[in-house]
Protein backbone atom coordinates (compact mmCIF):
# COMPACT_ATOMS: atom_id res chain seq x y z
CA MET A 1 21.52 10.06 42.14
CA LYS A 2 23.34 7.82 39.71
CA ASN A 3 20.69 5.11 39.91
CA SER A 4 17.91 7.58 39.23
CA ARG A 5 19.63 8.63 35.98
CA ASN A 6 19.96 5.02 34.89
CA ILE A 7 16.30 4.38 35.65
CA LEU A 8 15.37 7.50 33.70
CA LYS A 9 17.47 6.36 30.73
CA GLN A 10 16.05 2.85 30.90
CA LYS A 11 12.50 4.16 30.81
CA LEU A 12 13.00 7.13 28.48
CA LEU A 13 15.21 5.69 25.75
CA PRO A 14 12.89 2.84 24.72
CA LEU A 15 10.05 5.34 24.68
CA LEU A 16 12.00 7.67 22.40
CA SER A 17 13.09 4.85 20.12
CA ASN A 18 9.45 3.86 19.60
CA LEU A 19 8.21 7.43 19.29
CA HIS A 20 7.19 7.06 15.63
CA ILE A 21 5.00 4.07 16.56
CA ILE A 22 3.37 6.00 19.41
CA ILE A 23 2.76 9.04 17.19
CA GLY A 24 1.33 6.80 14.47
CA ARG A 25 -1.08 5.14 16.90
CA TRP A 26 -2.29 8.44 18.29
CA ALA A 27 -2.61 9.92 14.83
CA LYS A 28 -4.74 6.94 13.78
CA ARG A 29 -6.89 7.33 16.90
CA LEU A 30 -7.39 11.04 16.23
CA ILE A 31 -8.28 10.38 12.59
CA ILE A 32 -10.82 7.73 13.58
CA ALA A 33 -12.29 10.06 16.22
CA GLY A 34 -12.55 12.83 13.61
CA ILE A 35 -14.27 10.52 11.14
CA VAL A 36 -16.73 9.32 13.80
CA LEU A 37 -17.44 12.91 14.81
CA ALA A 38 -18.00 13.90 11.18
CA LEU A 39 -20.36 10.94 10.67
CA VAL A 40 -22.31 11.88 13.81
CA PHE A 41 -22.60 15.44 12.48
CA VAL A 42 -23.78 14.11 9.09
CA ALA A 43 -26.30 11.82 10.80
CA LEU A 44 -27.66 14.65 12.94
CA TYR A 45 -27.71 17.26 10.17
CA TRP A 46 -28.81 15.27 7.09
CA GLY A 47 -30.19 12.10 8.61
CA VAL A 48 -29.16 8.53 9.19
CA GLY A 49 -29.73 7.53 5.55
CA VAL A 50 -27.08 9.91 4.27
CA CYS A 51 -24.70 8.76 7.00
CA LEU A 52 -25.23 5.12 6.00
CA ALA A 53 -24.77 6.07 2.34
CA VAL A 54 -21.44 7.74 3.18
CA ILE A 55 -20.29 4.65 5.10
CA ALA A 56 -21.43 2.31 2.30
CA GLY A 57 -19.66 4.50 -0.27
CA PHE A 58 -16.49 4.36 1.76
CA PHE A 59 -16.63 0.55 1.92
CA ILE A 60 -17.38 0.28 -1.80
CA ILE A 61 -14.44 2.54 -2.70
CA ARG A 62 -12.20 0.59 -0.31
CA PHE A 63 -13.31 -2.70 -1.89
CA ILE A 64 -12.62 -1.39 -5.40
CA ILE A 65 -9.14 -0.16 -4.45
CA ARG A 66 -8.27 -3.47 -2.74
CA PHE A 67 -9.64 -5.42 -5.70
CA ILE A 68 -7.47 -3.43 -8.10
CA ILE A 69 -4.37 -3.90 -5.95
CA ARG A 70 -4.91 -7.62 -5.28
CA PHE A 71 -6.22 -8.88 -8.62
CA ILE A 72 -5.95 -6.50 -11.55
CA ILE A 73 -2.37 -5.22 -11.05
CA PRO A 74 -0.85 -8.73 -10.65
CA PHE A 75 -2.90 -9.86 -13.66
CA LEU A 76 -1.51 -6.99 -15.75
CA ILE A 77 2.02 -7.72 -14.56
CA GLY A 78 1.59 -11.39 -15.47
CA LEU A 79 0.10 -10.44 -18.84
CA THR A 80 2.96 -8.05 -19.51
CA LEU A 81 5.54 -10.68 -18.57
CA SER A 82 3.79 -13.29 -20.70
CA ILE A 83 4.14 -10.93 -23.67
CA ILE A 84 7.64 -9.60 -22.91
CA ILE A 85 9.38 -12.93 -22.19
CA PRO A 86 8.46 -14.54 -25.55
CA LEU A 87 9.40 -11.32 -27.36
CA VAL A 88 12.80 -11.32 -25.67
CA GLY A 89 13.24 -14.97 -26.65
CA ILE A 90 12.33 -14.23 -30.27
CA ILE A 91 14.69 -11.23 -30.36
CA LEU A 92 17.53 -13.33 -28.92
CA LEU A 93 16.84 -16.06 -31.49
CA ILE A 94 16.93 -13.50 -34.33
CA VAL A 95 20.19 -12.03 -32.99
CA LEU A 96 21.68 -15.54 -32.77
CA ILE A 97 20.65 -16.38 -36.33
CA LEU A 98 21.95 -13.06 -37.68
CA SER A 99 25.24 -13.44 -35.84
CA LEU A 100 25.65 -16.96 -37.24
CA ILE A 101 24.91 -15.68 -40.75
CA LEU A 102 27.33 -12.77 -40.38
CA LEU A 103 30.06 -15.06 -39.05
CA GLY A 104 29.59 -17.34 -42.03
CA VAL A 105 28.50 -20.39 -40.08
CA SER A 106 25.81 -22.19 -42.01
């Protein structure tokens, strides 16, 4: 009886520790199945052209979102840093000059 409990723990605990991965995989599978079912319904009800247009629209929107994330956001961050870093340097230089003037060092 004791060995059967150990075997149960050895098989059940790793399964429970990876439960979020298993749920995520099945959720993804169900979502994909739902999308495929919806596209089949669209193809049967409105025609293949509309179904292809929906798929193409999805890929275009996905491309635009990935393009924004990969290229435009890093460009804006770099542009912001290229403006902020010189401004910080100029402000520090002004503070240094003003502190030297106020301390009487000339």
